[in-house]
Amino acid sequence: MKHDLKTWPKYFDAVWNRSKTFELRKNDRNYKVGDILCLREYDNEVNEYSGRELLMGVAYILEGGVFGLDKEMCIMSLTEIGREEDY
């Protein structure tokens, strides 16, 4: 399944630069290994998209309820599939 997600610039840049390889999200979409996340850079101060996008695959999910992580949250390990200039 593909999920379109708003991502604030600070966090988008970290994924773009490959220093952030995970995503912490409320698991309100029932994320699964193999899902595709379309991370869309969203400037929350001006409420608009920048146009930059990343396609990321979900390689692993740490479900909430362990290690102090709230039950409604999850941490997803990401692998890059593509950048907007690739498609």
PDB file of N, CA and C in Angstrom:
ATOM      1  N   MET A   1       0.841  -1.177   0.000  1.00  0.00           N
ATOM      2  CA  MET A   1       0.000   0.000   0.000  1.00  0.00           C
ATOM      3  C   MET A   1       0.894   1.250   0.000  1.00  0.00           C
ATOM      4  N   LYS A   2       0.448   2.287  -0.671  1.00  0.00           N
ATOM      5  CA  LYS A   2       1.189   3.549  -0.732  1.00  0.00           C
ATOM      6  C   LYS A   2       0.510   4.565   0.173  1.00  0.00           C
ATOM      7  N   HIS A   3       1.327   5.288   0.952  1.00  0.00           N
ATOM      8  CA  HIS A   3       0.844   6.308   1.869  1.00  0.00           C
ATOM      9  C   HIS A   3       1.503   7.638   1.516  1.00  0.00           C
ATOM     10  N   ASP A   4       0.707   8.679   1.257  1.00  0.00           N
ATOM     11  CA  ASP A   4       1.222  10.031   1.037  1.00  0.00           C
ATOM     12  C   ASP A   4       1.283  10.721   2.395  1.00  0.00           C
ATOM     13  N   LEU A   5       2.482  11.195   2.766  1.00  0.00           N
ATOM     14  CA  LEU A   5       2.670  11.768   4.092  1.00  0.00           C
ATOM     15  C   LEU A   5       3.319  13.141   4.033  1.00  0.00           C
ATOM     16  N   LYS A   6       2.731  14.093   4.747  1.00  0.00           N
ATOM     17  CA  LYS A   6       3.356  15.402   4.928  1.00  0.00           C
ATOM     18  C   LYS A   6       4.585  15.218   5.813  1.00  0.00           C
ATOM     19  N   THR A   7       5.672  15.860   5.436  1.00  0.00           N
ATOM     20  CA  THR A   7       6.904  15.776   6.228  1.00  0.00           C
ATOM     21  C   THR A   7       7.503  17.167   6.339  1.00  0.00           C
ATOM     22  N   TRP A   8       7.669  17.646   7.555  1.00  0.00           N
ATOM     23  CA  TRP A   8       8.207  18.981   7.790  1.00  0.00           C
ATOM     24  C   TRP A   8       9.642  19.073   7.271  1.00  0.00           C
ATOM     25  N   PRO A   9      10.057  20.245   6.803  1.00  0.00           N
ATOM     26  CA  PRO A   9      11.359  20.420   6.156  1.00  0.00           C
ATOM     27  C   PRO A   9      12.558  19.875   6.932  1.00  0.00           C
ATOM     28  N   LYS A  10      12.625  20.132   8.219  1.00  0.00           N
ATOM     29  CA  LYS A  10      13.757  19.657   9.030  1.00  0.00           C
ATOM     30  C   LYS A  10      13.914  18.134   8.929  1.00  0.00           C
ATOM     31  N   TYR A  11      12.815  17.427   9.000  1.00  0.00           N
ATOM     32  CA  TYR A  11      12.841  15.962   8.970  1.00  0.00           C
ATOM     33  C   TYR A  11      12.973  15.441   7.543  1.00  0.00           C
ATOM     34  N   PHE A  12      12.360  16.131   6.600  1.00  0.00           N
ATOM     35  CA  PHE A  12      12.503  15.754   5.198  1.00  0.00           C
ATOM     36  C   PHE A  12      13.967  15.860   4.778  1.00  0.00           C
ATOM     37  N   ASP A  13      14.625  16.968   5.140  1.00  0.00           N
ATOM     38  CA  ASP A  13      16.042  17.157   4.798  1.00  0.00           C
ATOM     39  C   ASP A  13      16.909  16.032   5.346  1.00  0.00           C
ATOM     40  N   ALA A  14      16.625  15.593   6.565  1.00  0.00           N
ATOM     41  CA  ALA A  14      17.417  14.519   7.168  1.00  0.00           C
ATOM     42  C   ALA A  14      17.257  13.208   6.399  1.00  0.00           C
ATOM     43  N   VAL A  15      16.047  12.915   5.919  1.00  0.00           N
ATOM     44  CA  VAL A  15      15.837  11.717   5.098  1.00  0.00           C
ATOM     45  C   VAL A  15      16.500  11.918   3.736  1.00  0.00           C
ATOM     46  N   TRP A  16      16.320  13.100   3.143  1.00  0.00           N
ATOM     47  CA  TRP A  16      16.908  13.436   1.842  1.00  0.00           C
ATOM     48  C   TRP A  16      18.424  13.257   1.866  1.00  0.00           C
ATOM     49  N   ASN A  17      19.050  13.689   2.966  1.00  0.00           N
ATOM     50  CA  ASN A  17      20.509  13.596   3.112  1.00  0.00           C
ATOM     51  C   ASN A  17      20.991  12.237   3.610  1.00  0.00           C
ATOM     52  N   ARG A  18      20.038  11.338   3.799  1.00  0.00           N
ATOM     53  CA  ARG A  18      20.313   9.955   4.210  1.00  0.00           C
ATOM     54  C   ARG A  18      20.876   9.823   5.626  1.00  0.00           C
ATOM     55  N   SER A  19      20.679  10.837   6.461  1.00  0.00           N
ATOM     56  CA  SER A  19      21.110  10.710   7.857  1.00  0.00           C
ATOM     57  C   SER A  19      19.981  10.176   8.741  1.00  0.00           C
ATOM     58  N   LYS A  20      18.757  10.265   8.270  1.00  0.00           N
ATOM     59  CA  LYS A  20      17.599   9.731   8.995  1.00  0.00           C
ATOM     60  C   LYS A  20      17.023   8.592   8.168  1.00  0.00           C
ATOM     61  N   THR A  21      17.063   7.397   8.727  1.00  0.00           N
ATOM     62  CA  THR A  21      16.634   6.201   7.996  1.00  0.00           C
ATOM     63  C   THR A  21      15.422   5.535   8.650  1.00  0.00           C
ATOM     64  N   PHE A  22      14.682   6.326   9.396  1.00  0.00           N
ATOM     65  CA  PHE A  22      13.506   5.801  10.085  1.00  0.00           C
ATOM     66  C   PHE A  22      12.419   6.858  10.076  1.00  0.00           C
ATOM     67  N   GLU A  23      11.209   6.428  10.368  1.00  0.00           N
ATOM     68  CA  GLU A  23      10.088   7.348  10.470  1.00  0.00           C
ATOM     69  C   GLU A  23       9.274   6.967  11.697  1.00  0.00           C
ATOM     70  N   LEU A  24       9.013   7.938  12.555  1.00  0.00           N
ATOM     71  CA  LEU A  24       8.176   7.760  13.736  1.00  0.00           C
ATOM     72  C   LEU A  24       6.814   8.358  13.412  1.00  0.00           C
ATOM     73  N   ARG A  25       5.792   7.540  13.475  1.00  0.00           N
ATOM     74  CA  ARG A  25       4.449   8.002  13.119  1.00  0.00           C
ATOM     75  C   ARG A  25       3.402   7.366  14.026  1.00  0.00           C
ATOM     76  N   LYS A  26       2.282   8.059  14.148  1.00  0.00           N
ATOM     77  CA  LYS A  26       1.105   7.443  14.748  1.00  0.00           C
ATOM     78  C   LYS A  26       0.663   6.365  13.771  1.00  0.00           C
ATOM     79  N   ASN A  27       0.405   5.184  14.285  1.00  0.00           N
ATOM     80  CA  ASN A  27       0.045   4.072  13.399  1.00  0.00           C
ATOM     81  C   ASN A  27      -1.466   4.050  13.164  1.00  0.00           C
ATOM     82  N   ASP A  28      -1.962   5.141  12.578  1.00  0.00           N
ATOM     83  CA  ASP A  28      -3.383   5.257  12.286  1.00  0.00           C
ATOM     84  C   ASP A  28      -3.721   4.782  10.874  1.00  0.00           C
ATOM     85  N   ARG A  29      -2.707   4.250  10.178  1.00  0.00           N
ATOM     86  CA  ARG A  29      -2.908   3.756   8.810  1.00  0.00           C
ATOM     87  C   ARG A  29      -2.598   2.267   8.689  1.00  0.00           C
ATOM     88  N   ASN A  30      -2.334   1.621   9.816  1.00  0.00           N
ATOM     89  CA  ASN A  30      -2.016   0.196   9.830  1.00  0.00           C
ATOM     90  C   ASN A  30      -0.836  -0.125   8.905  1.00  0.00           C
ATOM     91  N   TYR A  31       0.273   0.599   9.111  1.00  0.00           N
ATOM     92  CA  TYR A  31       1.473   0.410   8.290  1.00  0.00           C
ATOM     93  C   TYR A  31       1.944  -1.039   8.346  1.00  0.00           C
ATOM     94  N   LYS A  32       2.475  -1.509   7.238  1.00  0.00           N
ATOM     95  CA  LYS A  32       2.992  -2.876   7.118  1.00  0.00           C
ATOM     96  C   LYS A  32       4.346  -2.861   6.423  1.00  0.00           C
ATOM     97  N   VAL A  33       5.184  -3.861   6.715  1.00  0.00           N
ATOM     98  CA  VAL A  33       6.429  -4.042   5.975  1.00  0.00           C
ATOM     99  C   VAL A  33       6.065  -4.226   4.505  1.00  0.00           C
ATOM    100  N   GLY A  34       6.788  -3.531   3.638  1.00  0.00           N
ATOM    101  CA  GLY A  34       6.509  -3.587   2.212  1.00  0.00           C
ATOM    102  C   GLY A  34       5.698  -2.396   1.709  1.00  0.00           C
ATOM    103  N   ASP A  35       5.092  -1.643   2.626  1.00  0.00           N
ATOM    104  CA  ASP A  35       4.362  -0.436   2.216  1.00  0.00           C
ATOM    105  C   ASP A  35       5.341   0.575   1.628  1.00  0.00           C
ATOM    106  N   ILE A  36       4.804   1.509   0.850  1.00  0.00           N
ATOM    107  CA  ILE A  36       5.591   2.594   0.270  1.00  0.00           C
ATOM    108  C   ILE A  36       5.107   3.900   0.877  1.00  0.00           C
ATOM    109  N   LEU A  37       6.056   4.691   1.369  1.00  0.00           N
ATOM    110  CA  LEU A  37       5.748   6.008   1.907  1.00  0.00           C
ATOM    111  C   LEU A  37       6.189   7.047   0.900  1.00  0.00           C
ATOM    112  N   CYS A  38       5.280   7.886   0.460  1.00  0.00           N
ATOM    113  CA  CYS A  38       5.627   9.028  -0.376  1.00  0.00           C
ATOM    114  C   CYS A  38       5.745  10.206   0.575  1.00  0.00           C
ATOM    115  N   LEU A  39       6.978  10.533   0.952  1.00  0.00           N
ATOM    116  CA  LEU A  39       7.224  11.647   1.856  1.00  0.00           C
ATOM    117  C   LEU A  39       7.234  12.924   1.033  1.00  0.00           C
ATOM    118  N   ARG A  40       6.329  13.821   1.348  1.00  0.00           N
ATOM    119  CA  ARG A  40       6.194  15.082   0.619  1.00  0.00           C
ATOM    120  C   ARG A  40       6.566  16.221   1.564  1.00  0.00           C
ATOM    121  N   GLU A  41       7.594  16.979   1.179  1.00  0.00           N
ATOM    122  CA  GLU A  41       8.038  18.074   2.039  1.00  0.00           C
ATOM    123  C   GLU A  41       6.919  19.111   2.160  1.00  0.00           C
ATOM    124  N   TYR A  42       6.556  19.411   3.403  1.00  0.00           N
ATOM    125  CA  TYR A  42       5.451  20.324   3.692  1.00  0.00           C
ATOM    126  C   TYR A  42       5.925  21.367   4.687  1.00  0.00           C
ATOM    127  N   ASP A  43       5.885  22.622   4.284  1.00  0.00           N
ATOM    128  CA  ASP A  43       6.291  23.712   5.167  1.00  0.00           C
ATOM    129  C   ASP A  43       5.103  24.073   6.054  1.00  0.00           C
ATOM    130  N   ASN A  44       5.174  23.682   7.309  1.00  0.00           N
ATOM    131  CA  ASN A  44       4.073  23.891   8.236  1.00  0.00           C
ATOM    132  C   ASN A  44       3.919  25.348   8.656  1.00  0.00           C
ATOM    133  N   GLU A  45       4.901  26.181   8.375  1.00  0.00           N
ATOM    134  CA  GLU A  45       4.794  27.600   8.726  1.00  0.00           C
ATOM    135  C   GLU A  45       3.986  28.386   7.688  1.00  0.00           C
ATOM    136  N   VAL A  46       4.057  27.972   6.436  1.00  0.00           N
ATOM    137  CA  VAL A  46       3.293  28.661   5.379  1.00  0.00           C
ATOM    138  C   VAL A  46       2.188  27.765   4.805  1.00  0.00           C
ATOM    139  N   ASN A  47       2.091  26.547   5.317  1.00  0.00           N
ATOM    140  CA  ASN A  47       1.045  25.600   4.924  1.00  0.00           C
ATOM    141  C   ASN A  47       1.019  25.314   3.426  1.00  0.00           C
ATOM    142  N   GLU A  48       2.210  24.927   2.902  1.00  0.00           N
ATOM    143  CA  GLU A  48       2.256  24.533   1.494  1.00  0.00           C
ATOM    144  C   GLU A  48       3.374  23.525   1.262  1.00  0.00           C
ATOM    145  N   TYR A  49       3.195  22.754   0.192  1.00  0.00           N
ATOM    146  CA  TYR A  49       4.194  21.769  -0.212  1.00  0.00           C
ATOM    147  C   TYR A  49       5.300  22.447  -1.004  1.00  0.00           C
ATOM    148  N   SER A  50       6.534  21.948  -0.849  1.00  0.00           N
ATOM    149  CA  SER A  50       7.680  22.510  -1.586  1.00  0.00           C
ATOM    150  C   SER A  50       7.795  21.916  -2.984  1.00  0.00           C
ATOM    151  N   GLY A  51       7.266  20.715  -3.164  1.00  0.00           N
ATOM    152  CA  GLY A  51       7.401  20.006  -4.435  1.00  0.00           C
ATOM    153  C   GLY A  51       8.399  18.860  -4.358  1.00  0.00           C
ATOM    154  N   ARG A  52       9.234  18.849  -3.309  1.00  0.00           N
ATOM    155  CA  ARG A  52      10.184  17.739  -3.171  1.00  0.00           C
ATOM    156  C   ARG A  52       9.468  16.521  -2.585  1.00  0.00           C
ATOM    157  N   GLU A  53       9.793  15.355  -3.153  1.00  0.00           N
ATOM    158  CA  GLU A  53       9.197  14.099  -2.692  1.00  0.00           C
ATOM    159  C   GLU A  53      10.240  13.000  -2.675  1.00  0.00           C
ATOM    160  N   LEU A  54      10.033  12.063  -1.766  1.00  0.00           N
ATOM    161  CA  LEU A  54      10.851  10.855  -1.695  1.00  0.00           C
ATOM    162  C   LEU A  54       9.932   9.650  -1.612  1.00  0.00           C
ATOM    163  N   LEU A  55      10.261   8.594  -2.341  1.00  0.00           N
ATOM    164  CA  LEU A  55       9.561   7.320  -2.181  1.00  0.00           C
ATOM    165  C   LEU A  55      10.435   6.430  -1.319  1.00  0.00           C
ATOM    166  N   MET A  56       9.872   5.986  -0.197  1.00  0.00           N
ATOM    167  CA  MET A  56      10.607   5.157   0.747  1.00  0.00           C
ATOM    168  C   MET A  56       9.831   3.873   1.001  1.00  0.00           C
ATOM    169  N   GLY A  57      10.564   2.766   1.072  1.00  0.00           N
ATOM    170  CA  GLY A  57       9.951   1.494   1.400  1.00  0.00           C
ATOM    171  C   GLY A  57      10.070   1.220   2.887  1.00  0.00           C
ATOM    172  N   VAL A  58       9.084   0.550   3.445  1.00  0.00           N
ATOM    173  CA  VAL A  58       9.102   0.162   4.856  1.00  0.00           C
ATOM    174  C   VAL A  58       9.737  -1.220   4.956  1.00  0.00           C
ATOM    175  N   ALA A  59      10.923  -1.263   5.597  1.00  0.00           N
ATOM    176  CA  ALA A  59      11.665  -2.514   5.710  1.00  0.00           C
ATOM    177  C   ALA A  59      11.412  -3.238   7.032  1.00  0.00           C
ATOM    178  N   TYR A  60      11.093  -2.484   8.079  1.00  0.00           N
ATOM    179  CA  TYR A  60      10.871  -3.061   9.405  1.00  0.00           C
ATOM    180  C   TYR A  60       9.988  -2.111  10.188  1.00  0.00           C
ATOM    181  N   ILE A  61       9.153  -2.655  11.065  1.00  0.00           N
ATOM    182  CA  ILE A  61       8.296  -1.835  11.918  1.00  0.00           C
ATOM    183  C   ILE A  61       8.447  -2.275  13.364  1.00  0.00           C
ATOM    184  N   LEU A  62       8.746  -1.305  14.228  1.00  0.00           N
ATOM    185  CA  LEU A  62       8.711  -1.532  15.669  1.00  0.00           C
ATOM    186  C   LEU A  62       7.370  -0.996  16.143  1.00  0.00           C
ATOM    187  N   GLU A  63       6.492  -1.898  16.542  1.00  0.00           N
ATOM    188  CA  GLU A  63       5.157  -1.522  16.989  1.00  0.00           C
ATOM    189  C   GLU A  63       5.231  -0.878  18.360  1.00  0.00           C
ATOM    190  N   GLY A  64       4.301   0.033  18.630  1.00  0.00           N
ATOM    191  CA  GLY A  64       4.219   0.668  19.933  1.00  0.00           C
ATOM    192  C   GLY A  64       3.847  -0.323  21.020  1.00  0.00           C
ATOM    193  N   GLY A  65       4.021   0.122  22.259  1.00  0.00           N
ATOM    194  CA  GLY A  65       3.694  -0.722  23.403  1.00  0.00           C
ATOM    195  C   GLY A  65       4.912  -1.367  24.033  1.00  0.00           C
ATOM    196  N   VAL A  66       6.087  -1.148  23.450  1.00  0.00           N
ATOM    197  CA  VAL A  66       7.337  -1.676  24.021  1.00  0.00           C
ATOM    198  C   VAL A  66       8.373  -0.557  24.091  1.00  0.00           C
ATOM    199  N   PHE A  67       9.344  -0.730  24.970  1.00  0.00           N
ATOM    200  CA  PHE A  67      10.468   0.204  25.092  1.00  0.00           C
ATOM    201  C   PHE A  67      10.014   1.649  25.309  1.00  0.00           C
ATOM    202  N   GLY A  68       8.875   1.832  25.969  1.00  0.00           N
ATOM    203  CA  GLY A  68       8.378   3.174  26.262  1.00  0.00           C
ATOM    204  C   GLY A  68       7.672   3.856  25.110  1.00  0.00           C
ATOM    205  N   LEU A  69       7.529   3.176  23.981  1.00  0.00           N
ATOM    206  CA  LEU A  69       6.851   3.742  22.818  1.00  0.00           C
ATOM    207  C   LEU A  69       5.342   3.588  22.993  1.00  0.00           C
ATOM    208  N   ASP A  70       4.623   4.699  22.902  1.00  0.00           N
ATOM    209  CA  ASP A  70       3.173   4.689  23.052  1.00  0.00           C
ATOM    210  C   ASP A  70       2.547   3.653  22.118  1.00  0.00           C
ATOM    211  N   LYS A  71       1.486   2.989  22.568  1.00  0.00           N
ATOM    212  CA  LYS A  71       0.833   1.933  21.793  1.00  0.00           C
ATOM    213  C   LYS A  71       0.308   2.401  20.441  1.00  0.00           C
ATOM    214  N   GLU A  72      -0.011   3.668  20.320  1.00  0.00           N
ATOM    215  CA  GLU A  72      -0.558   4.179  19.066  1.00  0.00           C
ATOM    216  C   GLU A  72       0.516   4.546  18.047  1.00  0.00           C
ATOM    217  N   MET A  73       1.791   4.465  18.435  1.00  0.00           N
ATOM    218  CA  MET A  73       2.896   4.898  17.584  1.00  0.00           C
ATOM    219  C   MET A  73       3.644   3.694  16.998  1.00  0.00           C
ATOM    220  N   CYS A  74       4.460   3.969  15.981  1.00  0.00           N
ATOM    221  CA  CYS A  74       5.358   2.947  15.448  1.00  0.00           C
ATOM    222  C   CYS A  74       6.602   3.637  14.889  1.00  0.00           C
ATOM    223  N   ILE A  75       7.668   2.885  14.820  1.00  0.00           N
ATOM    224  CA  ILE A  75       8.899   3.346  14.191  1.00  0.00           C
ATOM    225  C   ILE A  75       9.145   2.439  13.001  1.00  0.00           C
ATOM    226  N   MET A  76       9.312   3.058  11.821  1.00  0.00           N
ATOM    227  CA  MET A  76       9.522   2.286  10.600  1.00  0.00           C
ATOM    228  C   MET A  76      10.934   2.502  10.081  1.00  0.00           C
ATOM    229  N   SER A  77      11.614   1.421   9.772  1.00  0.00           N
ATOM    230  CA  SER A  77      12.913   1.483   9.117  1.00  0.00           C
ATOM    231  C   SER A  77      12.661   1.687   7.624  1.00  0.00           C
ATOM    232  N   LEU A  78      13.394   2.646   7.026  1.00  0.00           N
ATOM    233  CA  LEU A  78      13.140   3.032   5.636  1.00  0.00           C
ATOM    234  C   LEU A  78      14.270   2.637   4.692  1.00  0.00           C
ATOM    235  N   THR A  79      13.889   2.321   3.471  1.00  0.00           N
ATOM    236  CA  THR A  79      14.847   2.135   2.380  1.00  0.00           C
ATOM    237  C   THR A  79      14.385   3.016   1.225  1.00  0.00           C
ATOM    238  N   GLU A  80      15.326   3.674   0.573  1.00  0.00           N
ATOM    239  CA  GLU A  80      14.953   4.590  -0.498  1.00  0.00           C
ATOM    240  C   GLU A  80      14.595   3.838  -1.768  1.00  0.00           C
ATOM    241  N   ILE A  81      13.483   4.244  -2.365  1.00  0.00           N
ATOM    242  CA  ILE A  81      13.036   3.691  -3.637  1.00  0.00           C
ATOM    243  C   ILE A  81      13.310   4.682  -4.755  1.00  0.00           C
ATOM    244  N   GLY A  82      13.053   5.973  -4.497  1.00  0.00           N
ATOM    245  CA  GLY A  82      13.279   6.971  -5.521  1.00  0.00           C
ATOM    246  C   GLY A  82      13.060   8.383  -5.034  1.00  0.00           C
ATOM    247  N   ARG A  83      13.572   9.332  -5.820  1.00  0.00           N
ATOM    248  CA  ARG A  83      13.386  10.757  -5.559  1.00  0.00           C
ATOM    249  C   ARG A  83      12.592  11.344  -6.713  1.00  0.00           C
ATOM    250  N   GLU A  84      12.016  12.520  -6.515  1.00  0.00           N
ATOM    251  CA  GLU A  84      11.125  13.059  -7.543  1.00  0.00           C
ATOM    252  C   GLU A  84      11.805  13.209  -8.887  1.00  0.00           C
ATOM    253  N   GLU A  85      13.133  13.397  -8.914  1.00  0.00           N
ATOM    254  CA  GLU A  85      13.794  13.520 -10.217  1.00  0.00           C
ATOM    255  C   GLU A  85      13.914  12.167 -10.928  1.00  0.00           C
ATOM    256  N   ASP A  86      13.637  11.075 -10.198  1.00  0.00           N
ATOM    257  CA  ASP A  86      13.723   9.735 -10.783  1.00  0.00           C
ATOM    258  C   ASP A  86      12.421   9.296 -11.455  1.00  0.00           C
ATOM    259  N   TYR A  87      11.343  10.019 -11.235  1.00  0.00           N
ATOM    260  CA  TYR A  87      10.059   9.606 -11.806  1.00  0.00           C
ATOM    261  C   TYR A  87       9.286  10.780 -12.316  1.00  0.00           C
TER     262      TYR A  87
END
